Amino acid sequence: MKPHPTDLILTEIETARDEIVDFAARLVPLPTINPPGDAYEAAAHLLGDRLQSDGFDVQYLTAADRPEHSTRYPRVNVLGRLKGPASRPLLHLNGHFDVVPPG
């Protein structure tokens, strides 16, 4: 019997558990509380470096046209692309790495 897709995903997560925990342990301490938005650039580069190490082409896009972007609190987005055969399905993941203040 063929395993259910959910079981395959859970197996992959379990296999990568230590890697996932290590990466989260490096990302979570970065103070990306918005406002003001400290450490956006550091968080963007941590994510981008990880994507590059996994073979992605990475671009850093500064949100210069946004009012919350400033020299002191730059808003940096990460775009990672992994090229593959055109005949394969595409997957787009979108998220953010800032957090709101406690309370």
N, C-alpha and C. Protein backbone atom coordinates (compact mmCIF):
# COMPACT_ATOMS: atom_id res chain seq x y z
N MET A 1 0.83 -1.18 0.00
CA MET A 1 0.00 0.00 0.00
C MET A 1 0.88 1.25 0.00
N LYS A 2 0.54 2.20 -0.82
CA LYS A 2 1.29 3.44 -0.95
C LYS A 2 1.01 4.34 0.26
N PRO A 3 2.08 4.94 0.86
CA PRO A 3 1.86 5.81 2.03
C PRO A 3 1.06 7.05 1.65
N HIS A 4 0.30 7.53 2.59
CA HIS A 4 -0.48 8.76 2.41
C HIS A 4 0.49 9.94 2.30
N PRO A 5 0.21 10.94 1.45
CA PRO A 5 1.11 12.09 1.31
C PRO A 5 1.43 12.78 2.64
N THR A 6 0.47 12.85 3.53
CA THR A 6 0.72 13.46 4.84
C THR A 6 1.78 12.70 5.61
N ASP A 7 1.74 11.37 5.53
CA ASP A 7 2.75 10.56 6.21
C ASP A 7 4.14 10.81 5.63
N LEU A 8 4.21 11.00 4.32
CA LEU A 8 5.50 11.29 3.68
C LEU A 8 6.05 12.62 4.17
N ILE A 9 5.19 13.62 4.28
CA ILE A 9 5.61 14.94 4.75
C ILE A 9 6.08 14.86 6.20
N LEU A 10 5.32 14.16 7.04
CA LEU A 10 5.70 14.03 8.45
C LEU A 10 7.02 13.29 8.61
N THR A 11 7.27 12.31 7.78
CA THR A 11 8.53 11.59 7.82
C THR A 11 9.69 12.51 7.46
N GLU A 12 9.50 13.35 6.43
CA GLU A 12 10.55 14.30 6.05
C GLU A 12 10.82 15.31 7.15
N ILE A 13 9.76 15.78 7.80
CA ILE A 13 9.93 16.72 8.91
C ILE A 13 10.71 16.07 10.04
N GLU A 14 10.37 14.86 10.37
CA GLU A 14 11.07 14.13 11.44
C GLU A 14 12.54 13.94 11.09
N THR A 15 12.82 13.65 9.83
CA THR A 15 14.20 13.45 9.39
C THR A 15 15.00 14.75 9.54
N ALA A 16 14.36 15.88 9.32
CA ALA A 16 15.05 17.18 9.36
C ALA A 16 14.87 17.89 10.70
N ARG A 17 14.37 17.21 11.70
CA ARG A 17 14.05 17.85 12.98
C ARG A 17 15.21 18.67 13.54
N ASP A 18 16.40 18.11 13.65
CA ASP A 18 17.52 18.84 14.23
C ASP A 18 17.89 20.06 13.41
N GLU A 19 17.84 19.93 12.10
CA GLU A 19 18.14 21.04 11.21
C GLU A 19 17.11 22.16 11.37
N ILE A 20 15.85 21.80 11.48
CA ILE A 20 14.76 22.78 11.65
C ILE A 20 14.92 23.51 12.99
N VAL A 21 15.19 22.77 14.04
CA VAL A 21 15.34 23.36 15.37
C VAL A 21 16.55 24.29 15.40
N ASP A 22 17.66 23.87 14.79
CA ASP A 22 18.86 24.70 14.75
C ASP A 22 18.59 26.02 14.03
N PHE A 23 17.92 25.94 12.88
CA PHE A 23 17.64 27.17 12.13
C PHE A 23 16.70 28.08 12.91
N ALA A 24 15.67 27.52 13.50
CA ALA A 24 14.73 28.33 14.30
C ALA A 24 15.45 28.97 15.49
N ALA A 25 16.39 28.25 16.09
CA ALA A 25 17.14 28.78 17.23
C ALA A 25 18.02 29.95 16.82
N ARG A 26 18.40 30.03 15.57
CA ARG A 26 19.19 31.17 15.08
C ARG A 26 18.29 32.33 14.63
N LEU A 27 17.09 32.02 14.14
CA LEU A 27 16.19 33.05 13.62
C LEU A 27 15.38 33.73 14.73
N VAL A 28 14.86 32.96 15.65
CA VAL A 28 13.95 33.49 16.67
C VAL A 28 14.56 34.60 17.53
N PRO A 29 15.84 34.53 17.93
CA PRO A 29 16.38 35.59 18.78
C PRO A 29 16.56 36.95 18.09
N LEU A 30 16.49 36.98 16.77
CA LEU A 30 16.66 38.26 16.08
C LEU A 30 15.46 39.16 16.38
N PRO A 31 15.71 40.38 16.88
CA PRO A 31 14.62 41.26 17.29
C PRO A 31 13.96 41.97 16.11
N THR A 32 13.02 41.29 15.48
CA THR A 32 12.32 41.88 14.34
C THR A 32 10.95 42.42 14.75
N ILE A 33 10.84 42.86 15.99
CA ILE A 33 9.57 43.41 16.49
C ILE A 33 9.23 44.67 15.70
N ASN A 34 8.01 44.70 15.21
CA ASN A 34 7.54 45.81 14.38
C ASN A 34 6.34 46.48 15.04
N PRO A 35 6.43 47.78 15.37
CA PRO A 35 7.57 48.64 15.19
C PRO A 35 8.61 48.44 16.30
N PRO A 36 9.81 48.85 16.11
CA PRO A 36 10.37 49.65 15.03
C PRO A 36 10.89 48.81 13.86
N GLY A 37 11.26 47.56 14.10
CA GLY A 37 11.76 46.74 12.99
C GLY A 37 13.25 46.55 12.99
N ASP A 38 13.83 46.44 14.18
CA ASP A 38 15.25 46.13 14.25
C ASP A 38 15.51 44.77 13.61
N ALA A 39 16.69 44.60 13.12
CA ALA A 39 17.23 43.30 12.66
C ALA A 39 16.53 42.71 11.43
N TYR A 40 15.75 43.50 10.71
CA TYR A 40 15.15 42.98 9.47
C TYR A 40 16.23 42.52 8.51
N GLU A 41 17.25 43.36 8.35
CA GLU A 41 18.30 43.04 7.39
C GLU A 41 19.05 41.78 7.81
N ALA A 42 19.36 41.64 9.09
CA ALA A 42 20.04 40.44 9.58
C ALA A 42 19.18 39.20 9.37
N ALA A 43 17.88 39.32 9.64
CA ALA A 43 16.98 38.18 9.44
C ALA A 43 16.88 37.83 7.95
N ALA A 44 16.81 38.85 7.10
CA ALA A 44 16.74 38.60 5.66
C ALA A 44 17.98 37.85 5.18
N HIS A 45 19.13 38.26 5.66
CA HIS A 45 20.37 37.60 5.22
C HIS A 45 20.51 36.19 5.81
N LEU A 46 20.01 35.98 7.01
CA LEU A 46 20.01 34.62 7.55
C LEU A 46 19.16 33.70 6.67
N LEU A 47 17.99 34.19 6.29
CA LEU A 47 17.12 33.40 5.40
C LEU A 47 17.75 33.23 4.02
N GLY A 48 18.27 34.31 3.48
CA GLY A 48 18.88 34.24 2.16
C GLY A 48 20.09 33.33 2.12
N ASP A 49 20.93 33.40 3.15
CA ASP A 49 22.10 32.52 3.21
C ASP A 49 21.68 31.06 3.23
N ARG A 50 20.62 30.77 3.97
CA ARG A 50 20.12 29.40 4.04
C ARG A 50 19.60 28.94 2.68
N LEU A 51 18.84 29.79 2.02
CA LEU A 51 18.34 29.45 0.69
C LEU A 51 19.50 29.22 -0.28
N GLN A 52 20.50 30.08 -0.24
CA GLN A 52 21.66 29.91 -1.12
C GLN A 52 22.37 28.59 -0.85
N SER A 53 22.49 28.23 0.41
CA SER A 53 23.17 26.97 0.73
C SER A 53 22.37 25.76 0.24
N ASP A 54 21.08 25.96 0.00
CA ASP A 54 20.23 24.90 -0.54
C ASP A 54 20.10 24.98 -2.06
N GLY A 55 20.90 25.85 -2.70
CA GLY A 55 20.92 25.92 -4.16
C GLY A 55 20.02 26.95 -4.80
N PHE A 56 19.39 27.79 -4.01
CA PHE A 56 18.50 28.82 -4.56
C PHE A 56 19.31 30.01 -5.05
N ASP A 57 18.83 30.67 -6.10
CA ASP A 57 19.32 31.98 -6.48
C ASP A 57 18.58 32.96 -5.58
N VAL A 58 19.30 33.88 -4.95
CA VAL A 58 18.70 34.78 -3.97
C VAL A 58 18.90 36.24 -4.38
N GLN A 59 17.85 37.01 -4.21
CA GLN A 59 17.89 38.46 -4.39
C GLN A 59 17.35 39.10 -3.12
N TYR A 60 17.95 40.22 -2.74
CA TYR A 60 17.46 41.01 -1.63
C TYR A 60 16.80 42.26 -2.21
N LEU A 61 15.56 42.46 -1.87
CA LEU A 61 14.78 43.57 -2.41
C LEU A 61 14.42 44.52 -1.28
N THR A 62 14.93 45.72 -1.34
CA THR A 62 14.62 46.72 -0.32
C THR A 62 13.30 47.39 -0.66
N ALA A 63 12.44 47.51 0.34
CA ALA A 63 11.11 48.10 0.15
C ALA A 63 11.21 49.62 0.28
N ALA A 64 12.03 50.22 -0.57
CA ALA A 64 12.33 51.65 -0.47
C ALA A 64 11.10 52.53 -0.66
N ASP A 65 10.08 52.03 -1.33
CA ASP A 65 8.88 52.84 -1.57
C ASP A 65 7.87 52.76 -0.43
N ARG A 66 8.18 52.02 0.62
CA ARG A 66 7.27 51.87 1.76
C ARG A 66 7.60 52.89 2.83
N PRO A 67 6.60 53.50 3.47
CA PRO A 67 6.88 54.52 4.49
C PRO A 67 7.61 53.97 5.72
N GLU A 68 7.46 52.68 6.01
CA GLU A 68 8.14 52.11 7.18
C GLU A 68 9.61 51.81 6.92
N HIS A 69 10.05 51.90 5.66
CA HIS A 69 11.46 51.69 5.32
C HIS A 69 12.24 52.96 5.62
N SER A 70 13.39 52.81 6.27
CA SER A 70 14.28 53.95 6.53
C SER A 70 15.71 53.43 6.56
N THR A 71 16.63 54.36 6.60
CA THR A 71 18.04 53.96 6.70
C THR A 71 18.28 53.22 8.02
N ARG A 72 17.66 53.70 9.08
CA ARG A 72 17.84 53.07 10.39
C ARG A 72 17.12 51.72 10.49
N TYR A 73 15.94 51.61 9.86
CA TYR A 73 15.15 50.39 9.90
C TYR A 73 14.81 49.95 8.47
N PRO A 74 15.81 49.44 7.76
CA PRO A 74 15.55 49.04 6.37
C PRO A 74 14.61 47.83 6.32
N ARG A 75 13.73 47.86 5.35
CA ARG A 75 12.83 46.73 5.12
C ARG A 75 13.39 45.95 3.94
N VAL A 76 13.89 44.78 4.22
CA VAL A 76 14.55 43.97 3.20
C VAL A 76 13.74 42.70 3.00
N ASN A 77 13.37 42.44 1.76
CA ASN A 77 12.66 41.21 1.39
C ASN A 77 13.64 40.25 0.74
N VAL A 78 13.34 38.97 0.85
CA VAL A 78 14.19 37.93 0.28
C VAL A 78 13.39 37.22 -0.81
N LEU A 79 13.99 37.12 -1.98
CA LEU A 79 13.40 36.38 -3.07
C LEU A 79 14.35 35.24 -3.41
N GLY A 80 13.89 34.02 -3.23
CA GLY A 80 14.70 32.85 -3.55
C GLY A 80 14.04 32.05 -4.65
N ARG A 81 14.82 31.71 -5.66
CA ARG A 81 14.29 30.92 -6.78
C ARG A 81 15.16 29.69 -6.97
N LEU A 82 14.49 28.57 -7.12
CA LEU A 82 15.17 27.32 -7.40
C LEU A 82 14.67 26.85 -8.76
N LYS A 83 15.57 26.88 -9.73
CA LYS A 83 15.17 26.52 -11.09
C LYS A 83 15.10 25.01 -11.23
N GLY A 84 14.13 24.59 -11.99
CA GLY A 84 13.94 23.17 -12.26
C GLY A 84 13.32 22.99 -13.62
N PRO A 85 13.02 21.77 -13.96
CA PRO A 85 12.40 21.53 -15.27
C PRO A 85 11.05 22.23 -15.37
N ALA A 86 10.80 22.82 -16.54
CA ALA A 86 9.56 23.56 -16.75
C ALA A 86 8.33 22.68 -16.67
N SER A 87 8.49 21.39 -16.86
CA SER A 87 7.34 20.50 -16.87
C SER A 87 6.86 20.13 -15.46
N ARG A 88 7.61 20.51 -14.45
CA ARG A 88 7.23 20.17 -13.08
C ARG A 88 6.29 21.22 -12.50
N PRO A 89 5.47 20.83 -11.55
CA PRO A 89 4.59 21.82 -10.89
C PRO A 89 5.43 22.86 -10.15
N LEU A 90 4.87 24.04 -9.99
CA LEU A 90 5.54 25.12 -9.28
C LEU A 90 4.97 25.26 -7.88
N LEU A 91 5.79 25.74 -6.98
CA LEU A 91 5.37 25.98 -5.61
C LEU A 91 5.83 27.38 -5.22
N HIS A 92 4.92 28.16 -4.67
CA HIS A 92 5.24 29.51 -4.22
C HIS A 92 4.99 29.56 -2.71
N LEU A 93 6.01 29.95 -1.96
CA LEU A 93 5.86 30.14 -0.51
C LEU A 93 6.05 31.62 -0.21
N ASN A 94 5.20 32.15 0.63
CA ASN A 94 5.25 33.56 0.98
C ASN A 94 5.05 33.69 2.48
N GLY A 95 5.86 34.50 3.11
CA GLY A 95 5.71 34.67 4.55
C GLY A 95 6.39 35.95 5.01
N HIS A 96 6.44 36.14 6.31
CA HIS A 96 7.11 37.31 6.85
C HIS A 96 7.89 36.89 8.08
N PHE A 97 8.87 37.71 8.47
CA PHE A 97 9.70 37.36 9.62
C PHE A 97 9.69 38.43 10.69
N ASP A 98 8.76 39.36 10.61
CA ASP A 98 8.62 40.31 11.69
C ASP A 98 7.56 39.81 12.67
N VAL A 99 7.60 40.34 13.86
CA VAL A 99 6.64 39.96 14.90
C VAL A 99 6.09 41.23 15.54
N VAL A 100 4.99 41.10 16.25
CA VAL A 100 4.40 42.23 16.95
C VAL A 100 4.87 42.25 18.39
N PRO A 101 4.84 43.42 19.04
CA PRO A 101 5.26 43.50 20.43
C PRO A 101 4.37 42.62 21.33
N PRO A 102 4.92 42.14 22.45
CA PRO A 102 4.11 41.35 23.38
C PRO A 102 2.88 42.14 23.84
N GLY A 103 1.78 41.44 24.04
CA GLY A 103 0.56 42.05 24.54
C GLY A 103 -0.27 42.63 23.47
